[in-house]
């Protein structure tokens, strides 16, 4: 799958890099220090998109400062998963409904 080389998250340019992550035991990860999202190069198109969304959420929480709050380390992954699995699908449905009324 072709991905853009970068995106903007919280006003910051974030690089997107495809990388062999088989040894990492993950689909992707966000590096705050490098302002880079790494995505597993062996993923299919759907999993690549889902992983990019997931890592962009991690980036947004980091770049907003929320993930540096005391105790947030234990909540980081559950919060990202809640947003991606509960909020984002609801928002996509709402955007379609709003488009019909405007």
PDB file of N, CA and C in Angstrom:
ATOM      1  N   UNK A   1       0.849  -1.187   0.000  1.00  0.00           N
ATOM      2  CA  UNK A   1       0.000   0.000   0.000  1.00  0.00           C
ATOM      3  C   UNK A   1       0.887   1.241   0.000  1.00  0.00           C
ATOM      4  N   UNK A   2       0.522   2.195  -0.814  1.00  0.00           N
ATOM      5  CA  UNK A   2       1.246   3.459  -0.837  1.00  0.00           C
ATOM      6  C   UNK A   2       0.710   4.356   0.269  1.00  0.00           C
ATOM      7  N   UNK A   3       1.624   4.906   1.053  1.00  0.00           N
ATOM      8  CA  UNK A   3       1.262   5.830   2.128  1.00  0.00           C
ATOM      9  C   UNK A   3       1.926   7.173   1.871  1.00  0.00           C
ATOM     10  N   UNK A   4       1.311   8.244   2.357  1.00  0.00           N
ATOM     11  CA  UNK A   4       2.005   9.528   2.295  1.00  0.00           C
ATOM     12  C   UNK A   4       3.294   9.448   3.116  1.00  0.00           C
ATOM     13  N   UNK A   5       4.254  10.268   2.793  1.00  0.00           N
ATOM     14  CA  UNK A   5       5.525  10.273   3.531  1.00  0.00           C
ATOM     15  C   UNK A   5       5.406  10.980   4.876  1.00  0.00           C
ATOM     16  N   UNK A   6       4.322  11.781   5.028  1.00  0.00           N
ATOM     17  CA  UNK A   6       4.132  12.495   6.298  1.00  0.00           C
ATOM     18  C   UNK A   6       2.676  12.909   6.434  1.00  0.00           C
ATOM     19  N   UNK A   7       2.344  13.363   7.635  1.00  0.00           N
ATOM     20  CA  UNK A   7       1.034  13.927   7.932  1.00  0.00           C
ATOM     21  C   UNK A   7       1.229  15.005   8.993  1.00  0.00           C
ATOM     22  N   UNK A   8       0.188  15.762   9.247  1.00  0.00           N
ATOM     23  CA  UNK A   8       0.240  16.776  10.303  1.00  0.00           C
ATOM     24  C   UNK A   8      -0.641  16.304  11.450  1.00  0.00           C
ATOM     25  N   UNK A   9      -0.084  16.317  12.640  1.00  0.00           N
ATOM     26  CA  UNK A   9      -0.820  15.965  13.850  1.00  0.00           C
ATOM     27  C   UNK A   9      -0.537  17.059  14.863  1.00  0.00           C
ATOM     28  N   UNK A  10      -1.564  17.694  15.362  1.00  0.00           N
ATOM     29  CA  UNK A  10      -1.421  18.767  16.357  1.00  0.00           C
ATOM     30  C   UNK A  10      -0.461  19.847  15.876  1.00  0.00           C
ATOM     31  N   UNK A  11      -0.497  20.134  14.577  1.00  0.00           N
ATOM     32  CA  UNK A  11       0.351  21.178  14.013  1.00  0.00           C
ATOM     33  C   UNK A  11       1.790  20.776  13.779  1.00  0.00           C
ATOM     34  N   UNK A  12       2.111  19.514  13.988  1.00  0.00           N
ATOM     35  CA  UNK A  12       3.486  19.018  13.840  1.00  0.00           C
ATOM     36  C   UNK A  12       3.540  18.080  12.640  1.00  0.00           C
ATOM     37  N   UNK A  13       4.569  18.229  11.817  1.00  0.00           N
ATOM     38  CA  UNK A  13       4.767  17.289  10.715  1.00  0.00           C
ATOM     39  C   UNK A  13       5.319  15.988  11.276  1.00  0.00           C
ATOM     40  N   UNK A  14       4.614  14.909  10.982  1.00  0.00           N
ATOM     41  CA  UNK A  14       4.976  13.578  11.467  1.00  0.00           C
ATOM     42  C   UNK A  14       5.308  12.713  10.258  1.00  0.00           C
ATOM     43  N   UNK A  15       6.502  12.131  10.251  1.00  0.00           N
ATOM     44  CA  UNK A  15       6.896  11.241   9.160  1.00  0.00           C
ATOM     45  C   UNK A  15       6.168   9.905   9.293  1.00  0.00           C
ATOM     46  N   UNK A  16       5.918   9.280   8.153  1.00  0.00           N
ATOM     47  CA  UNK A  16       5.322   7.942   8.107  1.00  0.00           C
ATOM     48  C   UNK A  16       6.305   7.051   7.354  1.00  0.00           C
ATOM     49  N   UNK A  17       6.736   5.974   8.018  1.00  0.00           N
ATOM     50  CA  UNK A  17       7.758   5.097   7.449  1.00  0.00           C
ATOM     51  C   UNK A  17       7.279   3.656   7.499  1.00  0.00           C
ATOM     52  N   UNK A  18       7.331   2.976   6.359  1.00  0.00           N
ATOM     53  CA  UNK A  18       7.085   1.534   6.327  1.00  0.00           C
ATOM     54  C   UNK A  18       8.372   0.834   6.739  1.00  0.00           C
ATOM     55  N   UNK A  19       8.243  -0.153   7.608  1.00  0.00           N
ATOM     56  CA  UNK A  19       9.425  -0.817   8.157  1.00  0.00           C
ATOM     57  C   UNK A  19       9.087  -2.276   8.456  1.00  0.00           C
ATOM     58  N   UNK A  20      10.052  -3.149   8.286  1.00  0.00           N
ATOM     59  CA  UNK A  20       9.871  -4.553   8.656  1.00  0.00           C
ATOM     60  C   UNK A  20       9.811  -4.621  10.179  1.00  0.00           C
ATOM     61  N   UNK A  21       8.657  -4.988  10.707  1.00  0.00           N
ATOM     62  CA  UNK A  21       8.465  -5.026  12.156  1.00  0.00           C
ATOM     63  C   UNK A  21       8.223  -6.441  12.672  1.00  0.00           C
ATOM     64  N   UNK A  22       8.552  -7.448  11.884  1.00  0.00           N
ATOM     65  CA  UNK A  22       8.302  -8.830  12.312  1.00  0.00           C
ATOM     66  C   UNK A  22       8.973  -9.150  13.639  1.00  0.00           C
ATOM     67  N   UNK A  23      10.185  -8.643  13.876  1.00  0.00           N
ATOM     68  CA  UNK A  23      10.893  -8.899  15.129  1.00  0.00           C
ATOM     69  C   UNK A  23      10.352  -8.072  16.287  1.00  0.00           C
ATOM     70  N   UNK A  24       9.582  -7.039  15.998  1.00  0.00           N
ATOM     71  CA  UNK A  24       9.063  -6.121  17.019  1.00  0.00           C
ATOM     72  C   UNK A  24       7.783  -6.645  17.675  1.00  0.00           C
ATOM     73  N   UNK A  25       7.122  -7.599  17.037  1.00  0.00           N
ATOM     74  CA  UNK A  25       5.851  -8.135  17.525  1.00  0.00           C
ATOM     75  C   UNK A  25       4.789  -7.048  17.672  1.00  0.00           C
ATOM     76  N   UNK A  26       4.723  -6.156  16.691  1.00  0.00           N
ATOM     77  CA  UNK A  26       3.686  -5.132  16.658  1.00  0.00           C
ATOM     78  C   UNK A  26       3.405  -4.771  15.207  1.00  0.00           C
ATOM     79  N   UNK A  27       2.287  -4.105  14.988  1.00  0.00           N
ATOM     80  CA  UNK A  27       1.920  -3.670  13.642  1.00  0.00           C
ATOM     81  C   UNK A  27       2.515  -2.308  13.302  1.00  0.00           C
ATOM     82  N   UNK A  28       2.753  -1.522  14.331  1.00  0.00           N
ATOM     83  CA  UNK A  28       3.296  -0.191  14.135  1.00  0.00           C
ATOM     84  C   UNK A  28       3.605   0.441  15.470  1.00  0.00           C
ATOM     85  N   UNK A  29       4.294   1.580  15.426  1.00  0.00           N
ATOM     86  CA  UNK A  29       4.539   2.325  16.650  1.00  0.00           C
ATOM     87  C   UNK A  29       4.859   3.772  16.335  1.00  0.00           C
ATOM     88  N   UNK A  30       4.658   4.608  17.326  1.00  0.00           N
ATOM     89  CA  UNK A  30       4.898   6.051  17.267  1.00  0.00           C
ATOM     90  C   UNK A  30       6.157   6.355  18.050  1.00  0.00           C
ATOM     91  N   UNK A  31       7.071   7.102  17.457  1.00  0.00           N
ATOM     92  CA  UNK A  31       8.277   7.558  18.147  1.00  0.00           C
ATOM     93  C   UNK A  31       8.160   9.057  18.379  1.00  0.00           C
ATOM     94  N   UNK A  32       7.928   9.440  19.621  1.00  0.00           N
ATOM     95  CA  UNK A  32       7.799  10.857  19.957  1.00  0.00           C
ATOM     96  C   UNK A  32       9.102  11.597  19.672  1.00  0.00           C
ATOM     97  N   UNK A  33      10.225  10.999  20.053  1.00  0.00           N
ATOM     98  CA  UNK A  33      11.521  11.654  19.858  1.00  0.00           C
ATOM     99  C   UNK A  33      11.833  11.918  18.386  1.00  0.00           C
ATOM    100  N   UNK A  34      11.423  10.991  17.522  1.00  0.00           N
ATOM    101  CA  UNK A  34      11.722  11.125  16.091  1.00  0.00           C
ATOM    102  C   UNK A  34      10.567  11.735  15.303  1.00  0.00           C
ATOM    103  N   UNK A  35       9.434  11.965  15.986  1.00  0.00           N
ATOM    104  CA  UNK A  35       8.224  12.491  15.323  1.00  0.00           C
ATOM    105  C   UNK A  35       7.923  11.653  14.082  1.00  0.00           C
ATOM    106  N   UNK A  36       7.934  10.326  14.296  1.00  0.00           N
ATOM    107  CA  UNK A  36       7.766   9.382  13.196  1.00  0.00           C
ATOM    108  C   UNK A  36       6.828   8.251  13.603  1.00  0.00           C
ATOM    109  N   UNK A  37       5.951   7.885  12.679  1.00  0.00           N
ATOM    110  CA  UNK A  37       5.112   6.706  12.831  1.00  0.00           C
ATOM    111  C   UNK A  37       5.708   5.620  11.947  1.00  0.00           C
ATOM    112  N   UNK A  38       5.971   4.470  12.541  1.00  0.00           N
ATOM    113  CA  UNK A  38       6.483   3.322  11.805  1.00  0.00           C
ATOM    114  C   UNK A  38       5.344   2.330  11.629  1.00  0.00           C
ATOM    115  N   UNK A  39       5.150   1.873  10.403  1.00  0.00           N
ATOM    116  CA  UNK A  39       4.088   0.932  10.066  1.00  0.00           C
ATOM    117  C   UNK A  39       4.731  -0.322   9.491  1.00  0.00           C
ATOM    118  N   UNK A  40       4.264  -1.488   9.923  1.00  0.00           N
ATOM    119  CA  UNK A  40       4.789  -2.752   9.414  1.00  0.00           C
ATOM    120  C   UNK A  40       4.615  -2.873   7.909  1.00  0.00           C
ATOM    121  N   UNK A  41       5.685  -3.176   7.227  1.00  0.00           N
ATOM    122  CA  UNK A  41       5.657  -3.222   5.769  1.00  0.00           C
ATOM    123  C   UNK A  41       4.924  -4.447   5.229  1.00  0.00           C
ATOM    124  N   UNK A  42       4.697  -5.456   6.043  1.00  0.00           N
ATOM    125  CA  UNK A  42       4.048  -6.671   5.565  1.00  0.00           C
ATOM    126  C   UNK A  42       2.544  -6.711   5.773  1.00  0.00           C
ATOM    127  N   UNK A  43       1.949  -5.613   6.192  1.00  0.00           N
ATOM    128  CA  UNK A  43       0.509  -5.585   6.471  1.00  0.00           C
ATOM    129  C   UNK A  43      -0.299  -5.393   5.202  1.00  0.00           C
ATOM    130  N   UNK A  44      -1.512  -5.898   5.196  1.00  0.00           N
ATOM    131  CA  UNK A  44      -2.431  -5.636   4.091  1.00  0.00           C
ATOM    132  C   UNK A  44      -2.950  -4.203   4.172  1.00  0.00           C
ATOM    133  N   UNK A  45      -3.673  -3.793   3.135  1.00  0.00           N
ATOM    134  CA  UNK A  45      -4.146  -2.412   3.045  1.00  0.00           C
ATOM    135  C   UNK A  45      -5.041  -2.014   4.221  1.00  0.00           C
ATOM    136  N   UNK A  46      -6.009  -2.863   4.572  1.00  0.00           N
ATOM    137  CA  UNK A  46      -6.932  -2.530   5.668  1.00  0.00           C
ATOM    138  C   UNK A  46      -6.180  -2.401   7.000  1.00  0.00           C
ATOM    139  N   UNK A  47      -5.305  -3.350   7.298  1.00  0.00           N
ATOM    140  CA  UNK A  47      -4.557  -3.305   8.560  1.00  0.00           C
ATOM    141  C   UNK A  47      -3.579  -2.123   8.571  1.00  0.00           C
ATOM    142  N   UNK A  48      -3.029  -1.782   7.420  1.00  0.00           N
ATOM    143  CA  UNK A  48      -2.139  -0.617   7.338  1.00  0.00           C
ATOM    144  C   UNK A  48      -2.902   0.645   7.691  1.00  0.00           C
ATOM    145  N   UNK A  49      -4.104   0.817   7.117  1.00  0.00           N
ATOM    146  CA  UNK A  49      -4.922   2.000   7.428  1.00  0.00           C
ATOM    147  C   UNK A  49      -5.295   2.040   8.908  1.00  0.00           C
ATOM    148  N   UNK A  50      -5.722   0.904   9.448  1.00  0.00           N
ATOM    149  CA  UNK A  50      -6.112   0.859  10.860  1.00  0.00           C
ATOM    150  C   UNK A  50      -4.920   1.150  11.770  1.00  0.00           C
ATOM    151  N   UNK A  51      -3.767   0.630  11.421  1.00  0.00           N
ATOM    152  CA  UNK A  51      -2.566   0.858  12.234  1.00  0.00           C
ATOM    153  C   UNK A  51      -2.138   2.315  12.156  1.00  0.00           C
ATOM    154  N   UNK A  52      -2.214   2.900  10.979  1.00  0.00           N
ATOM    155  CA  UNK A  52      -1.870   4.317  10.839  1.00  0.00           C
ATOM    156  C   UNK A  52      -2.795   5.172  11.700  1.00  0.00           C
ATOM    157  N   UNK A  53      -4.089   4.899  11.661  1.00  0.00           N
ATOM    158  CA  UNK A  53      -5.045   5.634  12.494  1.00  0.00           C
ATOM    159  C   UNK A  53      -4.687   5.489  13.971  1.00  0.00           C
ATOM    160  N   UNK A  54      -4.426   4.267  14.399  1.00  0.00           N
ATOM    161  CA  UNK A  54      -4.080   3.971  15.795  1.00  0.00           C
ATOM    162  C   UNK A  54      -2.839   4.755  16.223  1.00  0.00           C
ATOM    163  N   UNK A  55      -1.809   4.724  15.400  1.00  0.00           N
ATOM    164  CA  UNK A  55      -0.565   5.413  15.761  1.00  0.00           C
ATOM    165  C   UNK A  55      -0.715   6.929  15.701  1.00  0.00           C
ATOM    166  N   UNK A  56      -1.567   7.425  14.795  1.00  0.00           N
ATOM    167  CA  UNK A  56      -1.833   8.863  14.775  1.00  0.00           C
ATOM    168  C   UNK A  56      -2.534   9.304  16.050  1.00  0.00           C
ATOM    169  N   UNK A  57      -3.382   8.452  16.617  1.00  0.00           N
ATOM    170  CA  UNK A  57      -4.007   8.769  17.899  1.00  0.00           C
ATOM    171  C   UNK A  57      -2.960   8.844  19.009  1.00  0.00           C
ATOM    172  N   UNK A  58      -2.023   7.894  19.023  1.00  0.00           N
ATOM    173  CA  UNK A  58      -0.932   7.965  19.997  1.00  0.00           C
ATOM    174  C   UNK A  58      -0.161   9.275  19.831  1.00  0.00           C
ATOM    175  N   UNK A  59       0.126   9.634  18.585  1.00  0.00           N
ATOM    176  CA  UNK A  59       0.857  10.876  18.323  1.00  0.00           C
ATOM    177  C   UNK A  59       0.079  12.081  18.829  1.00  0.00           C
ATOM    178  N   UNK A  60      -1.227  12.103  18.585  1.00  0.00           N
ATOM    179  CA  UNK A  60      -2.052  13.233  19.031  1.00  0.00           C
ATOM    180  C   UNK A  60      -2.036  13.368  20.551  1.00  0.00           C
ATOM    181  N   UNK A  61      -2.133  12.250  21.251  1.00  0.00           N
ATOM    182  CA  UNK A  61      -2.098  12.292  22.718  1.00  0.00           C
ATOM    183  C   UNK A  61      -0.735  12.770  23.217  1.00  0.00           C
ATOM    184  N   UNK A  62       0.334  12.294  22.598  1.00  0.00           N
ATOM    185  CA  UNK A  62       1.680  12.740  22.987  1.00  0.00           C
ATOM    186  C   UNK A  62       1.880  14.220  22.698  1.00  0.00           C
ATOM    187  N   UNK A  63       1.557  14.622  21.479  1.00  0.00           N
ATOM    188  CA  UNK A  63       1.822  16.003  21.067  1.00  0.00           C
ATOM    189  C   UNK A  63       0.943  17.007  21.793  1.00  0.00           C
ATOM    190  N   UNK A  64      -0.210  16.557  22.294  1.00  0.00           N
ATOM    191  CA  UNK A  64      -1.063  17.451  23.088  1.00  0.00           C
ATOM    192  C   UNK A  64      -0.602  17.539  24.537  1.00  0.00           C
ATOM    193  N   UNK A  65       0.270  16.612  24.928  1.00  0.00           N
ATOM    194  CA  UNK A  65       0.765  16.591  26.301  1.00  0.00           C
ATOM    195  C   UNK A  65      -0.014  15.675  27.224  1.00  0.00           C
ATOM    196  N   UNK A  66      -1.156  15.193  26.768  1.00  0.00           N
ATOM    197  CA  UNK A  66      -2.002  14.354  27.621  1.00  0.00           C
ATOM    198  C   UNK A  66      -1.276  13.096  28.070  1.00  0.00           C
ATOM    199  N   UNK A  67      -0.532  12.477  27.177  1.00  0.00           N
ATOM    200  CA  UNK A  67       0.111  11.203  27.522  1.00  0.00           C
ATOM    201  C   UNK A  67       1.235  11.356  28.540  1.00  0.00           C
ATOM    202  N   UNK A  68       1.607  12.598  28.844  1.00  0.00           N
ATOM    203  CA  UNK A  68       2.657  12.812  29.844  1.00  0.00           C
ATOM    204  C   UNK A  68       2.084  13.101  31.228  1.00  0.00           C
ATOM    205  N   UNK A  69       0.763  13.077  31.342  1.00  0.00           N
ATOM    206  CA  UNK A  69       0.123  13.277  32.643  1.00  0.00           C
ATOM    207  C   UNK A  69       0.448  12.094  33.556  1.00  0.00           C
ATOM    208  N   UNK A  70       0.556  12.373  34.833  1.00  0.00           N
ATOM    209  CA  UNK A  70       0.872  11.330  35.802  1.00  0.00           C
ATOM    210  C   UNK A  70      -0.146  10.187  35.708  1.00  0.00           C
ATOM    211  N   UNK A  71       0.361   8.977  35.572  1.00  0.00           N
ATOM    212  CA  UNK A  71      -0.481   7.797  35.549  1.00  0.00           C
ATOM    213  C   UNK A  71      -1.066   7.444  34.187  1.00  0.00           C
ATOM    214  N   UNK A  72      -0.852   8.301  33.180  1.00  0.00           N
ATOM    215  CA  UNK A  72      -1.471   8.038  31.886  1.00  0.00           C
ATOM    216  C   UNK A  72      -0.829   6.865  31.150  1.00  0.00           C
ATOM    217  N   UNK A  73       0.398   6.517  31.493  1.00  0.00           N
ATOM    218  CA  UNK A  73       1.083   5.397  30.829  1.00  0.00           C
ATOM    219  C   UNK A  73       0.214   4.141  30.833  1.00  0.00           C
ATOM    220  N   UNK A  74      -0.477   3.875  31.947  1.00  0.00           N
ATOM    221  CA  UNK A  74      -1.308   2.680  32.058  1.00  0.00           C
ATOM    222  C   UNK A  74      -2.601   2.813  31.247  1.00  0.00           C
ATOM    223  N   UNK A  75      -2.993   4.029  30.927  1.00  0.00           N
ATOM    224  CA  UNK A  75      -4.252   4.263  30.220  1.00  0.00           C
ATOM    225  C   UNK A  75      -4.081   4.510  28.729  1.00  0.00           C
ATOM    226  N   UNK A  76      -2.873   4.756  28.298  1.00  0.00           N
ATOM    227  CA  UNK A  76      -2.606   5.158  26.918  1.00  0.00           C
ATOM    228  C   UNK A  76      -3.230   4.203  25.903  1.00  0.00           C
ATOM    229  N   UNK A  77      -2.905   2.938  25.965  1.00  0.00           N
ATOM    230  CA  UNK A  77      -3.424   1.975  24.983  1.00  0.00           C
ATOM    231  C   UNK A  77      -4.940   1.802  25.093  1.00  0.00           C
ATOM    232  N   UNK A  78      -5.509   1.657  26.292  1.00  0.00           N
ATOM    233  CA  UNK A  78      -6.975   1.561  26.368  1.00  0.00           C
ATOM    234  C   UNK A  78      -7.703   2.807  25.840  1.00  0.00           C
ATOM    235  N   UNK A  79      -7.149   3.987  26.077  1.00  0.00           N
ATOM    236  CA  UNK A  79      -7.779   5.217  25.579  1.00  0.00           C
ATOM    237  C   UNK A  79      -7.748   5.240  24.053  1.00  0.00           C
ATOM    238  N   UNK A  80      -6.593   4.925  23.465  1.00  0.00           N
ATOM    239  CA  UNK A  80      -6.486   4.903  22.004  1.00  0.00           C
ATOM    240  C   UNK A  80      -7.453   3.884  21.415  1.00  0.00           C
ATOM    241  N   UNK A  81      -7.517   2.704  22.008  1.00  0.00           N
ATOM    242  CA  UNK A  81      -8.425   1.671  21.494  1.00  0.00           C
ATOM    243  C   UNK A  81      -9.893   2.099  21.630  1.00  0.00           C
ATOM    244  N   UNK A  82     -10.237   2.766  22.714  1.00  0.00           N
ATOM    245  CA  UNK A  82     -11.619   3.246  22.882  1.00  0.00           C
ATOM    246  C   UNK A  82     -11.969   4.278  21.815  1.00  0.00           C
ATOM    247  N   UNK A  83     -11.052   5.186  21.553  1.00  0.00           N
ATOM    248  CA  UNK A  83     -11.313   6.207  20.533  1.00  0.00           C
ATOM    249  C   UNK A  83     -11.479   5.564  19.167  1.00  0.00           C
ATOM    250  N   UNK A  84     -10.555   4.655  18.811  1.00  0.00           N
ATOM    251  CA  UNK A  84     -10.603   4.083  17.468  1.00  0.00           C
ATOM    252  C   UNK A  84     -11.763   3.112  17.264  1.00  0.00           C
ATOM    253  N   UNK A  85     -12.179   2.404  18.306  1.00  0.00           N
ATOM    254  CA  UNK A  85     -13.232   1.403  18.121  1.00  0.00           C
ATOM    255  C   UNK A  85     -14.629   1.911  18.467  1.00  0.00           C
ATOM    256  N   UNK A  86     -14.733   2.951  19.286  1.00  0.00           N
ATOM    257  CA  UNK A  86     -16.048   3.439  19.693  1.00  0.00           C
ATOM    258  C   UNK A  86     -16.360   4.827  19.143  1.00  0.00           C
ATOM    259  N   UNK A  87     -15.467   5.770  19.350  1.00  0.00           N
ATOM    260  CA  UNK A  87     -15.759   7.133  18.920  1.00  0.00           C
ATOM    261  C   UNK A  87     -15.675   7.311  17.410  1.00  0.00           C
ATOM    262  N   UNK A  88     -14.567   6.897  16.789  1.00  0.00           N
ATOM    263  CA  UNK A  88     -14.388   7.167  15.361  1.00  0.00           C
ATOM    264  C   UNK A  88     -15.487   6.555  14.486  1.00  0.00           C
ATOM    265  N   UNK A  89     -15.898   5.315  14.699  1.00  0.00           N
ATOM    266  CA  UNK A  89     -17.014   4.801  13.888  1.00  0.00           C
ATOM    267  C   UNK A  89     -18.310   5.603  14.090  1.00  0.00           C
ATOM    268  N   UNK A  90     -18.562   6.011  15.322  1.00  0.00           N
ATOM    269  CA  UNK A  90     -19.749   6.832  15.593  1.00  0.00           C
ATOM    270  C   UNK A  90     -19.659   8.165  14.870  1.00  0.00           C
ATOM    271  N   UNK A  91     -18.491   8.753  14.884  1.00  0.00           N
ATOM    272  CA  UNK A  91     -18.302  10.043  14.223  1.00  0.00           C
ATOM    273  C   UNK A  91     -18.470   9.909  12.708  1.00  0.00           C
ATOM    274  N   UNK A  92     -17.956   8.842  12.125  1.00  0.00           N
ATOM    275  CA  UNK A  92     -18.117   8.624  10.681  1.00  0.00           C
ATOM    276  C   UNK A  92     -19.598   8.504  10.324  1.00  0.00           C
ATOM    277  N   UNK A  93     -20.360   7.788  11.131  1.00  0.00           N
ATOM    278  CA  UNK A  93     -21.805   7.682  10.889  1.00  0.00           C
ATOM    279  C   UNK A  93     -22.483   9.050  11.018  1.00  0.00           C
ATOM    280  N   UNK A  94     -22.066   9.830  12.018  1.00  0.00           N
ATOM    281  CA  UNK A  94     -22.655  11.147  12.224  1.00  0.00           C
ATOM    282  C   UNK A  94     -22.327  12.083  11.055  1.00  0.00           C
ATOM    283  N   UNK A  95     -21.122  12.015  10.536  1.00  0.00           N
ATOM    284  CA  UNK A  95     -20.759  12.857   9.382  1.00  0.00           C
ATOM    285  C   UNK A  95     -21.661  12.556   8.191  1.00  0.00           C
ATOM    286  N   UNK A  96     -21.976  11.288   7.963  1.00  0.00           N
ATOM    287  CA  UNK A  96     -22.868  10.918   6.852  1.00  0.00           C
ATOM    288  C   UNK A  96     -24.269  11.472   7.084  1.00  0.00           C
ATOM    289  N   UNK A  97     -24.746  11.387   8.323  1.00  0.00           N
ATOM    290  CA  UNK A  97     -26.085  11.928   8.629  1.00  0.00           C
ATOM    291  C   UNK A  97     -26.115  13.443   8.457  1.00  0.00           C
ATOM    292  N   UNK A  98     -25.060  14.099   8.916  1.00  0.00           N
ATOM    293  CA  UNK A  98     -24.996  15.556   8.784  1.00  0.00           C
ATOM    294  C   UNK A  98     -24.944  15.990   7.323  1.00  0.00           C
ATOM    295  N   UNK A  99     -24.218  15.229   6.518  1.00  0.00           N
ATOM    296  CA  UNK A  99     -24.114  15.555   5.100  1.00  0.00           C
ATOM    297  C   UNK A  99     -25.475  15.478   4.413  1.00  0.00           C
ATOM    298  N   UNK A 100     -26.336  14.576   4.856  1.00  0.00           N
ATOM    299  CA  UNK A 100     -27.666  14.431   4.275  1.00  0.00           C
ATOM    300  C   UNK A 100     -28.577  15.607   4.629  1.00  0.00           C
ATOM    301  N   UNK A 101     -28.342  16.214   5.799  1.00  0.00           N
ATOM    302  CA  UNK A 101     -29.225  17.293   6.260  1.00  0.00           C
ATOM    303  C   UNK A 101     -28.760  18.660   5.810  1.00  0.00           C
ATOM    304  N   UNK A 102     -27.555  18.768   5.292  1.00  0.00           N
ATOM    305  CA  UNK A 102     -27.018  20.086   4.872  1.00  0.00           C
ATOM    306  C   UNK A 102     -26.845  20.182   3.380  1.00  0.00           C
TER     307      UNK A 102
END
